[in-house]
All heavy atoms as atom14 arrays in JSON, in Angstrom:
{
  "sequence": "RRIGMIFQSFNLVYRLSVFQNVLHGRLGYMSTPS",
  "atom14_mask": [
    [1, 1, 1, 1, 1, 1, 1, 1, 1, 1, 1, 0, 0, 0],
    [1, 1, 1, 1, 1, 1, 1, 1, 1, 1, 1, 0, 0, 0],
    [1, 1, 1, 1, 1, 1, 1, 1, 0, 0, 0, 0, 0, 0],
    [1, 1, 1, 1, 0, 0, 0, 0, 0, 0, 0, 0, 0, 0],
    [1, 1, 1, 1, 1, 1, 1, 1, 0, 0, 0, 0, 0, 0],
    [1, 1, 1, 1, 1, 1, 1, 1, 0, 0, 0, 0, 0, 0],
    [1, 1, 1, 1, 1, 1, 1, 1, 1, 1, 1, 0, 0, 0],
    [1, 1, 1, 1, 1, 1, 1, 1, 1, 0, 0, 0, 0, 0],
    [1, 1, 1, 1, 1, 1, 0, 0, 0, 0, 0, 0, 0, 0],
    [1, 1, 1, 1, 1, 1, 1, 1, 1, 1, 1, 0, 0, 0],
    [1, 1, 1, 1, 1, 1, 1, 1, 0, 0, 0, 0, 0, 0],
    [1, 1, 1, 1, 1, 1, 1, 1, 0, 0, 0, 0, 0, 0],
    [1, 1, 1, 1, 1, 1, 1, 0, 0, 0, 0, 0, 0, 0],
    [1, 1, 1, 1, 1, 1, 1, 1, 1, 1, 1, 1, 0, 0],
    [1, 1, 1, 1, 1, 1, 1, 1, 1, 1, 1, 0, 0, 0],
    [1, 1, 1, 1, 1, 1, 1, 1, 0, 0, 0, 0, 0, 0],
    [1, 1, 1, 1, 1, 1, 0, 0, 0, 0, 0, 0, 0, 0],
    [1, 1, 1, 1, 1, 1, 1, 0, 0, 0, 0, 0, 0, 0],
    [1, 1, 1, 1, 1, 1, 1, 1, 1, 1, 1, 0, 0, 0],
    [1, 1, 1, 1, 1, 1, 1, 1, 1, 0, 0, 0, 0, 0],
    [1, 1, 1, 1, 1, 1, 1, 1, 0, 0, 0, 0, 0, 0],
    [1, 1, 1, 1, 1, 1, 1, 0, 0, 0, 0, 0, 0, 0],
    [1, 1, 1, 1, 1, 1, 1, 1, 0, 0, 0, 0, 0, 0],
    [1, 1, 1, 1, 1, 1, 1, 1, 1, 1, 0, 0, 0, 0],
    [1, 1, 1, 1, 0, 0, 0, 0, 0, 0, 0, 0, 0, 0],
    [1, 1, 1, 1, 1, 1, 1, 1, 1, 1, 1, 0, 0, 0],
    [1, 1, 1, 1, 1, 1, 1, 1, 0, 0, 0, 0, 0, 0],
    [1, 1, 1, 1, 0, 0, 0, 0, 0, 0, 0, 0, 0, 0],
    [1, 1, 1, 1, 1, 1, 1, 1, 1, 1, 1, 1, 0, 0],
    [1, 1, 1, 1, 1, 1, 1, 1, 0, 0, 0, 0, 0, 0],
    [1, 1, 1, 1, 1, 1, 0, 0, 0, 0, 0, 0, 0, 0],
    [1, 1, 1, 1, 1, 1, 1, 0, 0, 0, 0, 0, 0, 0],
    [1, 1, 1, 1, 1, 1, 1, 0, 0, 0, 0, 0, 0, 0],
    [1, 1, 1, 1, 1, 1, 0, 0, 0, 0, 0, 0, 0, 0]
  ],
  "atom14_positions": [
    [[0.83, -1.21, 0.0], [0.0, 0.0, 0.0], [0.86, 1.25, 0.0], [0.46, 2.29, -0.52], [-0.88, 0.02, 1.25], [-1.94, -1.05, 1.33], [-2.56, -1.01, 2.72], [-3.54, -2.06, 2.92], [-4.05, -2.39, 4.09], [-3.68, -1.73, 5.17], [-4.93, -3.35, 4.18], [0.0, 0.0, 0.0], [0.0, 0.0, 0.0], [0.0, 0.0, 0.0]],
    [[2.02, 1.16, 0.61], [2.9, 2.32, 0.78], [3.95, 2.42, -0.32], [4.84, 3.26, -0.25], [3.59, 2.24, 2.15], [2.64, 2.26, 3.32], [2.26, 3.67, 3.69], [3.39, 4.37, 4.31], [3.5, 5.69, 4.41], [2.56, 6.46, 3.91], [4.53, 6.24, 5.01], [0.0, 0.0, 0.0], [0.0, 0.0, 0.0], [0.0, 0.0, 0.0]],
    [[3.85, 1.56, -1.33], [4.79, 1.59, -2.45], [4.0, 1.79, -3.73], [3.29, 0.89, -4.19], [5.62, 0.3, -2.54], [6.39, 0.05, -1.24], [6.58, 0.37, -3.72], [7.16, -1.25, -1.21], [0.0, 0.0, 0.0], [0.0, 0.0, 0.0], [0.0, 0.0, 0.0], [0.0, 0.0, 0.0], [0.0, 0.0, 0.0], [0.0, 0.0, 0.0]],
    [[4.09, 2.98, -4.31], [3.41, 3.27, -5.57], [4.27, 2.88, -6.76], [5.5, 2.87, -6.65], [0.0, 0.0, 0.0], [0.0, 0.0, 0.0], [0.0, 0.0, 0.0], [0.0, 0.0, 0.0], [0.0, 0.0, 0.0], [0.0, 0.0, 0.0], [0.0, 0.0, 0.0], [0.0, 0.0, 0.0], [0.0, 0.0, 0.0], [0.0, 0.0, 0.0]],
    [[3.63, 2.55, -7.87], [4.38, 2.22, -9.09], [3.85, 2.99, -10.29], [2.64, 3.16, -10.45], [4.32, 0.72, -9.37], [5.23, -0.11, -8.48], [5.91, -1.59, -9.27], [6.94, -0.93, -10.57], [0.0, 0.0, 0.0], [0.0, 0.0, 0.0], [0.0, 0.0, 0.0], [0.0, 0.0, 0.0], [0.0, 0.0, 0.0], [0.0, 0.0, 0.0]],
    [[4.78, 3.45, -11.1], [4.45, 4.09, -12.37], [5.15, 3.28, -13.46], [6.36, 3.05, -13.39], [4.91, 5.55, -12.39], [4.15, 6.35, -11.32], [4.69, 6.17, -13.76], [4.62, 7.78, -11.18], [0.0, 0.0, 0.0], [0.0, 0.0, 0.0], [0.0, 0.0, 0.0], [0.0, 0.0, 0.0], [0.0, 0.0, 0.0], [0.0, 0.0, 0.0]],
    [[4.37, 2.84, -14.45], [4.87, 1.91, -15.44], [5.08, 2.59, -16.8], [4.37, 3.53, -17.15], [3.88, 0.76, -15.64], [3.57, -0.02, -14.39], [2.53, 0.39, -13.55], [4.28, -1.15, -14.06], [2.22, -0.32, -12.4], [3.98, -1.87, -12.91], [2.95, -1.45, -12.09], [0.0, 0.0, 0.0], [0.0, 0.0, 0.0], [0.0, 0.0, 0.0]],
    [[6.01, 2.04, -17.57], [6.23, 2.52, -18.93], [4.98, 2.35, -19.78], [4.63, 3.22, -20.59], [7.39, 1.73, -19.56], [7.63, 2.05, -21.03], [8.75, 1.21, -21.62], [9.57, 0.65, -20.88], [8.8, 1.11, -22.92], [0.0, 0.0, 0.0], [0.0, 0.0, 0.0], [0.0, 0.0, 0.0], [0.0, 0.0, 0.0], [0.0, 0.0, 0.0]],
    [[4.25, 1.24, -19.57], [3.06, 0.93, -20.37], [1.77, 1.44, -19.72], [0.68, 1.07, -20.14], [2.96, -0.58, -20.58], [2.93, -1.26, -19.33], [0.0, 0.0, 0.0], [0.0, 0.0, 0.0], [0.0, 0.0, 0.0], [0.0, 0.0, 0.0], [0.0, 0.0, 0.0], [0.0, 0.0, 0.0], [0.0, 0.0, 0.0], [0.0, 0.0, 0.0]],
    [[1.9, 2.28, -18.68], [0.8, 2.96, -17.99], [-0.04, 2.06, -17.08], [-0.44, 2.47, -16.01], [-0.11, 3.7, -18.98], [0.6, 4.46, -20.05], [0.34, 4.22, -21.39], [1.55, 5.41, -19.73], [1.01, 4.92, -22.38], [2.23, 6.12, -20.72], [1.96, 5.87, -22.06], [0.0, 0.0, 0.0], [0.0, 0.0, 0.0], [0.0, 0.0, 0.0]],
    [[-0.37, 0.84, -17.55], [-1.16, -0.12, -16.76], [-2.49, 0.47, -16.27], [-2.88, 0.29, -15.12], [-0.34, -0.63, -15.56], [0.6, -1.74, -15.95], [1.09, -1.78, -17.07], [0.88, -2.64, -15.02], [0.0, 0.0, 0.0], [0.0, 0.0, 0.0], [0.0, 0.0, 0.0], [0.0, 0.0, 0.0], [0.0, 0.0, 0.0], [0.0, 0.0, 0.0]],
    [[-3.16, 1.16, -17.16], [-4.49, 1.69, -16.86], [-5.56, 0.74, -17.4], [-5.29, -0.1, -18.26], [-4.67, 3.07, -17.49], [-3.66, 4.15, -17.1], [-3.97, 5.43, -17.86], [-3.66, 4.4, -15.6], [0.0, 0.0, 0.0], [0.0, 0.0, 0.0], [0.0, 0.0, 0.0], [0.0, 0.0, 0.0], [0.0, 0.0, 0.0], [0.0, 0.0, 0.0]],
    [[-6.79, 0.88, -16.89], [-7.94, 0.15, -17.45], [-8.59, 1.1, -18.46], [-9.29, 2.04, -18.09], [-8.94, -0.25, -16.36], [-10.09, -1.06, -16.97], [-8.24, -1.07, -15.27], [0.0, 0.0, 0.0], [0.0, 0.0, 0.0], [0.0, 0.0, 0.0], [0.0, 0.0, 0.0], [0.0, 0.0, 0.0], [0.0, 0.0, 0.0], [0.0, 0.0, 0.0]],
    [[-8.32, 0.88, -19.72], [-8.66, 1.87, -20.75], [-10.15, 2.07, -20.94], [-10.59, 3.13, -21.39], [-8.01, 1.48, -22.08], [-6.5, 1.68, -22.09], [-5.69, 0.93, -22.94], [-5.89, 2.6, -21.24], [-4.31, 1.11, -22.95], [-4.52, 2.78, -21.24], [-3.74, 2.03, -22.1], [-2.38, 2.21, -22.09], [0.0, 0.0, 0.0], [0.0, 0.0, 0.0]],
    [[-10.96, 1.07, -20.62], [-12.42, 1.22, -20.8], [-13.05, 2.02, -19.68], [-14.22, 2.41, -19.77], [-13.08, -0.15, -20.89], [-12.9, -1.0, -19.65], [-13.5, -2.38, -19.79], [-13.19, -3.24, -18.66], [-13.81, -3.2, -17.5], [-14.81, -2.34, -17.31], [-13.46, -4.01, -16.51], [0.0, 0.0, 0.0], [0.0, 0.0, 0.0], [0.0, 0.0, 0.0]],
    [[-12.29, 2.26, -18.59], [-12.81, 3.03, -17.46], [-12.39, 4.48, -17.56], [-11.45, 4.84, -18.28], [-12.31, 2.42, -16.14], [-12.75, 0.99, -15.84], [-12.22, 0.56, -14.48], [-14.27, 0.85, -15.9], [0.0, 0.0, 0.0], [0.0, 0.0, 0.0], [0.0, 0.0, 0.0], [0.0, 0.0, 0.0], [0.0, 0.0, 0.0], [0.0, 0.0, 0.0]],
    [[-13.06, 5.32, -16.8], [-12.78, 6.76, -16.83], [-11.49, 7.09, -16.1], [-10.95, 6.27, -15.34], [-13.93, 7.54, -16.18], [-13.95, 7.29, -14.78], [0.0, 0.0, 0.0], [0.0, 0.0, 0.0], [0.0, 0.0, 0.0], [0.0, 0.0, 0.0], [0.0, 0.0, 0.0], [0.0, 0.0, 0.0], [0.0, 0.0, 0.0], [0.0, 0.0, 0.0]],
    [[-11.01, 8.3, -16.34], [-9.84, 8.81, -15.62], [-10.1, 8.73, -14.11], [-9.24, 8.28, -13.34], [-9.54, 10.25, -16.05], [-8.55, 10.92, -15.11], [-9.02, 10.28, -17.49], [0.0, 0.0, 0.0], [0.0, 0.0, 0.0], [0.0, 0.0, 0.0], [0.0, 0.0, 0.0], [0.0, 0.0, 0.0], [0.0, 0.0, 0.0], [0.0, 0.0, 0.0]],
    [[-11.26, 9.19, -13.69], [-11.62, 9.22, -12.27], [-11.58, 7.81, -11.66], [-11.01, 7.61, -10.57], [-13.02, 9.82, -12.12], [-13.41, 10.16, -10.72], [-12.54, 10.81, -9.86], [-14.69, 9.85, -10.26], [-12.91, 11.13, -8.56], [-15.08, 10.17, -8.96], [-14.19, 10.81, -8.11], [0.0, 0.0, 0.0], [0.0, 0.0, 0.0], [0.0, 0.0, 0.0]],
    [[-12.14, 6.83, -12.37], [-12.15, 5.46, -11.85], [-10.74, 4.89, -11.75], [-10.4, 4.18, -10.79], [-13.01, 4.57, -12.76], [-14.51, 4.84, -12.66], [-15.28, 4.1, -13.72], [-15.05, 4.27, -14.92], [-16.22, 3.25, -13.3], [0.0, 0.0, 0.0], [0.0, 0.0, 0.0], [0.0, 0.0, 0.0], [0.0, 0.0, 0.0], [0.0, 0.0, 0.0]],
    [[-9.91, 5.18, -12.75], [-8.53, 4.69, -12.72], [-7.76, 5.28, -11.54], [-7.0, 4.57, -10.87], [-7.81, 5.02, -14.03], [-8.01, 3.96, -15.09], [-7.32, 2.94, -15.1], [-8.96, 4.19, -15.99], [0.0, 0.0, 0.0], [0.0, 0.0, 0.0], [0.0, 0.0, 0.0], [0.0, 0.0, 0.0], [0.0, 0.0, 0.0], [0.0, 0.0, 0.0]],
    [[-7.97, 6.54, -11.26], [-7.28, 7.17, -10.13], [-7.76, 6.56, -8.81], [-6.95, 6.28, -7.91], [-7.49, 8.7, -10.15], [-6.91, 9.35, -8.88], [-6.83, 9.31, -11.38], [0.0, 0.0, 0.0], [0.0, 0.0, 0.0], [0.0, 0.0, 0.0], [0.0, 0.0, 0.0], [0.0, 0.0, 0.0], [0.0, 0.0, 0.0], [0.0, 0.0, 0.0]],
    [[-9.04, 6.32, -8.69], [-9.59, 5.73, -7.47], [-9.03, 4.33, -7.21], [-8.98, 3.88, -6.05], [-11.11, 5.67, -7.55], [-11.85, 6.98, -7.3], [-13.31, 6.86, -7.69], [-11.72, 7.42, -5.84], [0.0, 0.0, 0.0], [0.0, 0.0, 0.0], [0.0, 0.0, 0.0], [0.0, 0.0, 0.0], [0.0, 0.0, 0.0], [0.0, 0.0, 0.0]],
    [[-8.58, 3.65, -8.26], [-8.01, 2.32, -8.08], [-6.79, 2.34, -7.15], [-6.41, 1.29, -6.6], [-7.61, 1.73, -9.43], [-8.76, 1.16, -10.18], [-8.64, 0.59, -11.43], [-10.08, 1.07, -9.87], [-9.82, 0.18, -11.85], [-10.71, 0.47, -10.93], [0.0, 0.0, 0.0], [0.0, 0.0, 0.0], [0.0, 0.0, 0.0], [0.0, 0.0, 0.0]],
    [[-6.2, 3.5, -6.96], [-5.08, 3.61, -6.04], [-5.46, 3.31, -4.59], [-4.58, 3.07, -3.76], [0.0, 0.0, 0.0], [0.0, 0.0, 0.0], [0.0, 0.0, 0.0], [0.0, 0.0, 0.0], [0.0, 0.0, 0.0], [0.0, 0.0, 0.0], [0.0, 0.0, 0.0], [0.0, 0.0, 0.0], [0.0, 0.0, 0.0], [0.0, 0.0, 0.0]],
    [[-6.75, 3.29, -4.29], [-7.22, 3.0, -2.92], [-7.61, 1.54, -2.71], [-7.96, 1.15, -1.6], [-8.43, 3.88, -2.57], [-8.16, 5.36, -2.58], [-7.01, 5.75, -1.67], [-7.3, 5.52, -0.25], [-6.39, 5.65, 0.72], [-5.15, 5.97, 0.43], [-6.74, 5.44, 1.98], [0.0, 0.0, 0.0], [0.0, 0.0, 0.0], [0.0, 0.0, 0.0]],
    [[-7.53, 0.72, -3.75], [-8.0, -0.66, -3.64], [-7.28, -1.45, -2.56], [-7.86, -2.29, -1.88], [-7.86, -1.38, -4.99], [-8.79, -0.89, -6.1], [-8.49, -1.63, -7.4], [-10.25, -1.06, -5.71], [0.0, 0.0, 0.0], [0.0, 0.0, 0.0], [0.0, 0.0, 0.0], [0.0, 0.0, 0.0], [0.0, 0.0, 0.0], [0.0, 0.0, 0.0]],
    [[-6.01, -1.18, -2.36], [-5.24, -1.9, -1.35], [-5.68, -1.62, 0.07], [-5.34, -2.38, 0.99], [0.0, 0.0, 0.0], [0.0, 0.0, 0.0], [0.0, 0.0, 0.0], [0.0, 0.0, 0.0], [0.0, 0.0, 0.0], [0.0, 0.0, 0.0], [0.0, 0.0, 0.0], [0.0, 0.0, 0.0], [0.0, 0.0, 0.0], [0.0, 0.0, 0.0]],
    [[-6.46, -0.56, 0.25], [-6.94, -0.19, 1.58], [-8.36, -0.68, 1.83], [-8.9, -0.49, 2.92], [-6.92, 1.33, 1.75], [-5.53, 1.92, 1.79], [-4.86, 2.29, 0.63], [-4.88, 2.11, 3.01], [-3.6, 2.83, 0.67], [-3.61, 2.66, 3.06], [-2.97, 3.02, 1.89], [-1.7, 3.55, 1.93], [0.0, 0.0, 0.0], [0.0, 0.0, 0.0]],
    [[-8.98, -1.29, 0.83], [-10.4, -1.64, 0.92], [-10.62, -3.13, 1.13], [-9.77, -3.95, 0.77], [-11.12, -1.19, -0.37], [-11.05, 0.32, -0.61], [-11.55, 0.79, -2.28], [-13.27, 0.28, -2.3], [0.0, 0.0, 0.0], [0.0, 0.0, 0.0], [0.0, 0.0, 0.0], [0.0, 0.0, 0.0], [0.0, 0.0, 0.0], [0.0, 0.0, 0.0]],
    [[-11.77, -3.48, 1.71], [-12.15, -4.88, 1.82], [-12.46, -5.41, 0.42], [-12.76, -4.64, -0.5], [-13.38, -5.03, 2.7], [-14.52, -4.44, 2.08], [0.0, 0.0, 0.0], [0.0, 0.0, 0.0], [0.0, 0.0, 0.0], [0.0, 0.0, 0.0], [0.0, 0.0, 0.0], [0.0, 0.0, 0.0], [0.0, 0.0, 0.0], [0.0, 0.0, 0.0]],
    [[-12.38, -6.73, 0.27], [-12.63, -7.33, -1.05], [-14.03, -7.0, -1.59], [-14.16, -6.59, -2.75], [-12.43, -8.85, -0.99], [-11.07, -9.12, -0.61], [-12.69, -9.48, -2.35], [0.0, 0.0, 0.0], [0.0, 0.0, 0.0], [0.0, 0.0, 0.0], [0.0, 0.0, 0.0], [0.0, 0.0, 0.0], [0.0, 0.0, 0.0], [0.0, 0.0, 0.0]],
    [[-15.09, -7.12, -0.78], [-16.42, -6.76, -1.31], [-16.51, -5.3, -1.77], [-17.08, -5.0, -2.82], [-17.36, -7.03, -0.13], [-16.65, -8.03, 0.71], [-15.2, -7.68, 0.59], [0.0, 0.0, 0.0], [0.0, 0.0, 0.0], [0.0, 0.0, 0.0], [0.0, 0.0, 0.0], [0.0, 0.0, 0.0], [0.0, 0.0, 0.0], [0.0, 0.0, 0.0]],
    [[-15.97, -4.39, -0.97], [-16.02, -2.97, -1.34], [-15.22, -2.71, -2.6], [-15.63, -1.92, -3.47], [-15.47, -2.12, -0.19], [-16.33, -2.16, 0.93], [0.0, 0.0, 0.0], [0.0, 0.0, 0.0], [0.0, 0.0, 0.0], [0.0, 0.0, 0.0], [0.0, 0.0, 0.0], [0.0, 0.0, 0.0], [0.0, 0.0, 0.0], [0.0, 0.0, 0.0]]
  ]
}
């Protein structure tokens, strides 16, 4: 959770919005159902 990564190939979910992709940065802090 405390180690961020930035990739050469971006590793974004292209079908999702910018906002949704940014929010993915919080997934490591959330329960699996959430």
